[in-house]
Amino acid sequence: MGLFEKAYANPTLVALLDQEKLKFRAPGAIALSLAYARSVNYVLYMGSFRIYDFAAGLALCEGLEVIVEEDYVIVSKEKAVAHKIEQLIKEL
């Protein structure tokens, strides 16, 4: 299972994740989600953000696959999962 912040604002991506059997929950607190990154399949945040809001949480993710772009952040223990999600985002 993964954690997807702001899933409510991304219904098309929700459908794509469902098709790929990439289950998730949307707890609504990115700091908490990043703290659990080692315990879940992935953490996904979609939307604009300020990098300093993520800095401490991302520090906890050292050693994991971390992809930070202008409008999304993906963290996963598995490089293949992170890149699969990134590919789905690029298909939108």
Protein backbone atom coordinates (compact mmCIF):
# COMPACT_ATOMS: atom_id res chain seq x y z
CA MET A 1 0.00 0.00 0.00
CA GLY A 2 1.10 3.57 -0.66
CA LEU A 3 0.26 7.03 0.67
CA PHE A 4 -1.07 9.61 -1.81
CA GLU A 5 -1.39 13.17 -0.57
CA LYS A 6 -3.96 15.35 -2.35
CA ALA A 7 -5.49 12.30 -4.07
CA TYR A 8 -8.85 14.10 -4.03
CA ALA A 9 -7.50 16.66 -6.50
CA ASN A 10 -6.15 14.07 -8.96
CA PRO A 11 -8.98 11.72 -10.03
CA THR A 12 -7.36 10.77 -13.34
CA LEU A 13 -4.17 9.64 -11.61
CA VAL A 14 -6.24 7.82 -8.98
CA ALA A 15 -7.84 5.80 -11.80
CA LEU A 16 -4.43 5.01 -13.33
CA LEU A 17 -3.00 3.88 -9.99
CA ASP A 18 -6.06 1.66 -9.52
CA GLN A 19 -5.55 0.10 -12.97
CA GLU A 20 -1.94 -0.68 -12.02
CA LYS A 21 -3.07 -2.19 -8.66
CA LEU A 22 -1.05 0.45 -6.77
CA LYS A 23 -3.34 0.75 -3.73
CA PHE A 24 -3.07 3.79 -1.47
CA ARG A 25 -4.52 5.74 1.42
CA ALA A 26 -4.71 9.54 1.62
CA PRO A 27 -4.00 10.58 5.23
CA GLY A 28 -3.72 14.32 4.50
CA ALA A 29 -0.45 15.20 6.22
CA ILE A 30 2.70 15.05 4.10
CA ALA A 31 5.05 15.17 7.09
CA LEU A 32 3.36 12.10 8.57
CA SER A 33 3.33 10.33 5.21
CA LEU A 34 7.06 10.92 4.70
CA ALA A 35 7.74 9.64 8.21
CA TYR A 36 6.09 6.35 7.16
CA ALA A 37 7.89 6.13 3.79
CA ARG A 38 9.97 3.14 4.90
CA SER A 39 6.84 1.25 5.99
CA VAL A 40 4.74 1.66 2.82
CA ASN A 41 5.20 0.87 -0.87
CA TYR A 42 5.36 4.54 -1.89
CA VAL A 43 4.52 8.11 -0.91
CA LEU A 44 3.14 10.39 -3.62
CA TYR A 45 2.41 14.10 -3.40
CA MET A 46 0.82 15.86 -6.37
CA GLY A 47 0.53 19.61 -6.74
CA SER A 48 2.63 22.67 -6.20
CA PHE A 49 4.67 22.83 -3.02
CA ARG A 50 7.44 24.71 -1.28
CA ILE A 51 10.55 22.56 -0.93
CA TYR A 52 11.21 23.80 2.59
CA ASP A 53 7.87 22.26 3.63
CA PHE A 54 9.32 18.89 2.60
CA ALA A 55 12.96 19.29 3.68
CA ALA A 56 12.73 17.61 7.10
CA GLY A 57 10.49 14.81 5.86
CA LEU A 58 12.73 14.10 2.89
CA ALA A 59 15.73 13.95 5.22
CA LEU A 60 14.02 10.94 6.84
CA CYS A 61 13.89 9.30 3.40
CA GLU A 62 17.64 9.07 2.90
CA GLY A 63 18.49 5.85 1.06
CA LEU A 64 15.08 5.58 -0.58
CA GLU A 65 14.26 6.41 -4.20
CA VAL A 66 13.21 10.08 -4.13
CA ILE A 67 11.94 11.94 -7.19
CA VAL A 68 11.27 15.66 -6.72
CA GLU A 69 9.83 17.64 -9.62
CA GLU A 70 8.06 20.99 -9.82
CA ASP A 71 4.58 19.57 -9.27
CA TYR A 72 5.09 16.18 -7.63
CA VAL A 73 7.20 14.23 -5.15
CA ILE A 74 7.54 10.43 -5.19
CA VAL A 75 9.33 8.36 -2.55
CA SER A 76 9.64 4.57 -2.60
CA LYS A 77 11.83 1.76 -1.31
CA GLU A 78 11.65 0.31 -4.83
CA LYS A 79 13.11 2.24 -7.74
CA ALA A 80 10.78 0.43 -10.19
CA VAL A 81 7.67 1.53 -8.27
CA ALA A 82 8.79 5.17 -8.15
CA HIS A 83 9.53 5.23 -11.86
CA LYS A 84 6.28 3.44 -12.76
CA ILE A 85 4.33 6.12 -10.88
CA GLU A 86 6.36 8.86 -12.53
CA GLN A 87 5.56 7.36 -15.94
CA LEU A 88 1.83 7.37 -15.08
CA ILE A 89 2.08 11.05 -14.14
CA LYS A 90 3.79 11.86 -17.43
CA GLU A 91 0.98 10.08 -19.31
CA LEU A 92 -1.64 12.45 -17.85
